[in-house]
Structure formats: structure tokens, C-alpha cells
Amino acid sequence: MESGRSTTTRHTDETEIEATKTMRARILTVLHAVVALNAIGGGIYGLAGAPGVPVEWLERTPFPSYLIPSLILLVVVGGTQAAAGLGVAARTPRSRSVSVVAGAILLGWIGTQVALIGYVSWLQPAVAIAALANLSLAGRPLESGRSTT
């Protein structure tokens, strides 16, 4: 009878672990989608000339206009976030690795931005928090039984 309880308890524990991993994967997918849409939208806005965004912010940067930063935001940041979100949603074998890379790129992007132009928007700490959440969620297994590294 004691071994029956252990088997039931172990099965319940495994079920709870799988439910937690599934929830983390869903949260990470949504996080990637929100960040990707933000980055893609920001990149397009910048490519359109970034109306309302002071050009003076670029004075301490190597960029004479918002063209290059907008392309980086659109393609590199937005692209890796979109790819990571799709990978996590599809449970691809490399989804964790791609997600960690996307989180590191996002953290690097926002860290570089703050270092170059300073704190100018509430979005900067929000993006930093999103990057840290991304890295935290992606740093743990999202499912078992299949390699996700």
C-alpha cells in the first residue's frame, strides 16, 4: 500500500511539473510576441523618420539618423524575439537556446541604448524587465522528454 501512495504521489508531482512547464512556455511565448511587436513597430516607426523623437538623442551616438538603430531594432531585436516566440510555441528542439539568445540581444539592446542616450522613457526599464523575465523563463526546461537546448 505504501508503494501505491508513492507512485500516485510521483505521478501527481510529475503532472504538476508538466503543468508548470507548460504555463511557463505559454507566458514566454506571449512575452516574446509582445516584445517582437513592440520592436517591429518601433523599427518601422524609426524608419518612417521617428516623428516626435528628438534627433538630439543621437548626439552621443555613432548614428547621424535613426536609420541604423531602427533597422537593428526591427531585424535583430524584433526578428529574434519573433523567432523565439514561434519556436517556444511550436516546442522546437532549440527553442530554449533561441529564447536565451533573444533575451540576451534584448538586454544588450536596451543596455546599449541607455548607455548611449540615457534614461528617456519608461519603456527602457520595462524592456529591461522583459529581457530579464525572458532570460529567467528560458533558462529553465520548458518541457520534459524532449531536448530543448
Protein backbone atom coordinates (compact mmCIF):
# COMPACT_ATOMS: atom_id res chain seq x y z
CA MET A 1 0.00 0.00 0.00
CA GLU A 2 2.86 2.36 0.76
CA SER A 3 4.35 1.88 -2.72
CA GLY A 4 0.93 2.68 -4.25
CA ARG A 5 0.92 6.05 -2.48
CA SER A 6 4.45 6.76 -3.70
CA THR A 7 3.51 6.00 -7.29
CA THR A 8 0.41 8.19 -7.07
CA THR A 9 2.34 11.00 -5.41
CA ARG A 10 5.12 10.75 -8.00
CA HIS A 11 2.56 10.82 -10.84
CA THR A 12 0.84 13.85 -9.28
CA ASP A 13 4.19 15.61 -8.85
CA GLU A 14 5.13 14.90 -12.47
CA THR A 15 1.74 16.18 -13.65
CA GLU A 16 2.19 19.39 -11.66
CA ILE A 17 5.71 19.86 -13.00
CA GLU A 18 4.47 19.42 -16.58
CA ALA A 19 1.64 21.90 -15.97
CA THR A 20 4.15 24.43 -14.61
CA LYS A 21 6.44 23.96 -17.61
CA THR A 22 3.51 24.38 -20.00
CA MET A 23 2.44 27.57 -18.22
CA ARG A 24 5.99 28.95 -18.37
CA ALA A 25 6.15 28.17 -22.09
CA ARG A 26 2.85 29.98 -22.68
CA ILE A 27 3.98 33.03 -20.70
CA LEU A 28 7.29 33.07 -22.57
CA THR A 29 5.50 32.81 -25.93
CA VAL A 30 3.28 35.78 -25.06
CA LEU A 31 6.27 37.76 -23.76
CA HIS A 32 8.18 37.13 -27.00
CA ALA A 33 5.14 38.14 -29.06
CA VAL A 34 4.60 41.41 -27.16
CA VAL A 35 8.29 42.34 -27.33
CA ALA A 36 8.53 41.36 -31.01
CA LEU A 37 5.52 43.51 -31.91
CA ASN A 38 6.94 46.41 -29.90
CA ALA A 39 10.37 46.11 -31.56
CA ILE A 40 8.97 45.68 -35.05
CA GLY A 41 6.60 48.60 -34.56
CA GLY A 42 9.41 50.75 -33.14
CA GLY A 43 11.68 49.82 -36.01
CA ILE A 44 9.06 50.74 -38.60
CA TYR A 45 8.34 54.00 -36.75
CA GLY A 46 12.05 54.82 -36.77
CA LEU A 47 12.37 54.01 -40.47
CA ALA A 48 9.49 56.42 -41.09
CA GLY A 49 11.65 59.18 -39.57
CA ALA A 50 10.71 58.77 -35.90
CA PRO A 51 8.40 61.81 -35.82
CA GLY A 52 8.35 63.37 -32.38
CA VAL A 53 11.55 61.67 -31.24
CA PRO A 54 14.32 64.26 -30.71
CA VAL A 55 17.28 63.88 -33.07
CA GLU A 56 19.38 65.35 -30.21
CA TRP A 57 19.18 61.95 -28.54
CA LEU A 58 21.60 60.72 -31.21
CA GLU A 59 24.28 63.32 -30.46
CA ARG A 60 26.32 60.97 -28.21
CA THR A 61 25.90 58.01 -30.57
CA PRO A 62 27.71 56.99 -33.75
CA PHE A 63 24.44 57.40 -35.68
CA PRO A 64 23.55 60.53 -37.67
CA SER A 65 19.93 59.41 -38.02
CA TYR A 66 17.52 56.77 -36.74
CA LEU A 67 18.02 54.58 -39.85
CA ILE A 68 20.60 52.11 -38.50
CA PRO A 69 19.18 51.85 -34.95
CA SER A 70 15.72 51.31 -36.46
CA LEU A 71 16.99 48.52 -38.72
CA ILE A 72 18.70 46.86 -35.74
CA LEU A 73 15.53 47.16 -33.66
CA LEU A 74 13.34 45.83 -36.46
CA VAL A 75 15.50 43.00 -37.78
CA VAL A 76 17.77 41.91 -34.93
CA VAL A 77 15.66 42.58 -31.85
CA GLY A 78 12.23 42.07 -33.41
CA GLY A 79 13.37 39.18 -35.57
CA THR A 80 14.98 37.18 -32.78
CA GLN A 81 12.01 37.78 -30.48
CA ALA A 82 9.57 36.65 -33.18
CA ALA A 83 11.67 33.57 -33.99
CA ALA A 84 11.97 32.70 -30.31
CA GLY A 85 8.24 33.10 -29.74
CA LEU A 86 7.40 30.87 -32.68
CA GLY A 87 9.95 28.30 -31.55
CA VAL A 88 8.65 28.18 -27.99
CA ALA A 89 5.04 27.99 -29.20
CA ALA A 90 5.92 25.09 -31.52
CA ARG A 91 8.11 23.42 -28.87
CA THR A 92 11.03 23.13 -31.29
CA PRO A 93 14.14 21.35 -30.02
CA ARG A 94 16.22 24.55 -29.93
CA SER A 95 13.51 26.83 -28.53
CA ARG A 96 15.27 27.41 -25.21
CA SER A 97 18.56 28.31 -26.88
CA VAL A 98 16.90 30.71 -29.32
CA SER A 99 14.88 32.23 -26.48
CA VAL A 100 18.01 32.81 -24.38
CA VAL A 101 19.75 34.43 -27.35
CA ALA A 102 16.71 36.66 -27.98
CA GLY A 103 16.66 37.68 -24.31
CA ALA A 104 20.38 38.45 -24.34
CA ILE A 105 20.01 40.53 -27.51
CA LEU A 106 17.10 42.43 -25.95
CA LEU A 107 19.09 43.10 -22.77
CA GLY A 108 22.09 44.19 -24.83
CA TRP A 109 19.90 46.46 -26.96
CA ILE A 110 18.34 48.28 -24.04
CA GLY A 111 21.60 48.45 -22.07
CA THR A 112 23.38 49.98 -25.06
CA GLN A 113 20.50 52.39 -25.64
CA VAL A 114 20.55 53.66 -22.06
CA ALA A 115 24.36 53.91 -22.11
CA LEU A 116 24.28 55.99 -25.31
CA ILE A 117 21.24 58.23 -24.89
CA GLY A 118 20.47 57.97 -21.19
CA TYR A 119 17.15 57.34 -19.50
CA VAL A 120 14.47 58.96 -21.66
CA SER A 121 11.39 56.74 -21.39
CA TRP A 122 9.50 54.47 -19.02
CA LEU A 123 9.79 51.85 -21.76
CA GLN A 124 13.50 51.41 -21.08
CA PRO A 125 13.12 49.82 -17.63
CA ALA A 126 10.05 47.94 -18.90
CA VAL A 127 12.14 46.44 -21.71
CA ALA A 128 14.95 45.59 -19.27
CA ILE A 129 12.44 43.80 -17.03
CA ALA A 130 11.04 41.95 -20.06
CA ALA A 131 14.57 40.88 -21.04
CA LEU A 132 15.30 39.59 -17.53
CA ALA A 133 11.96 37.76 -17.42
CA ASN A 134 12.74 36.29 -20.85
CA LEU A 135 16.12 35.03 -19.64
CA SER A 136 14.67 33.66 -16.40
CA LEU A 137 11.85 31.78 -18.11
CA ALA A 138 14.05 30.47 -20.93
CA GLY A 139 16.76 29.38 -18.50
CA ARG A 140 14.63 26.52 -17.19
CA PRO A 141 13.31 23.49 -19.07
CA LEU A 142 10.02 24.21 -20.81
CA GLU A 143 9.09 20.56 -21.20
CA SER A 144 10.48 17.15 -20.44
CA GLY A 145 11.05 14.16 -22.61
CA ARG A 146 12.47 16.24 -25.43
CA SER A 147 15.74 18.14 -25.63
CA THR A 148 15.15 21.90 -25.65
CA THR A 149 18.72 23.15 -25.59
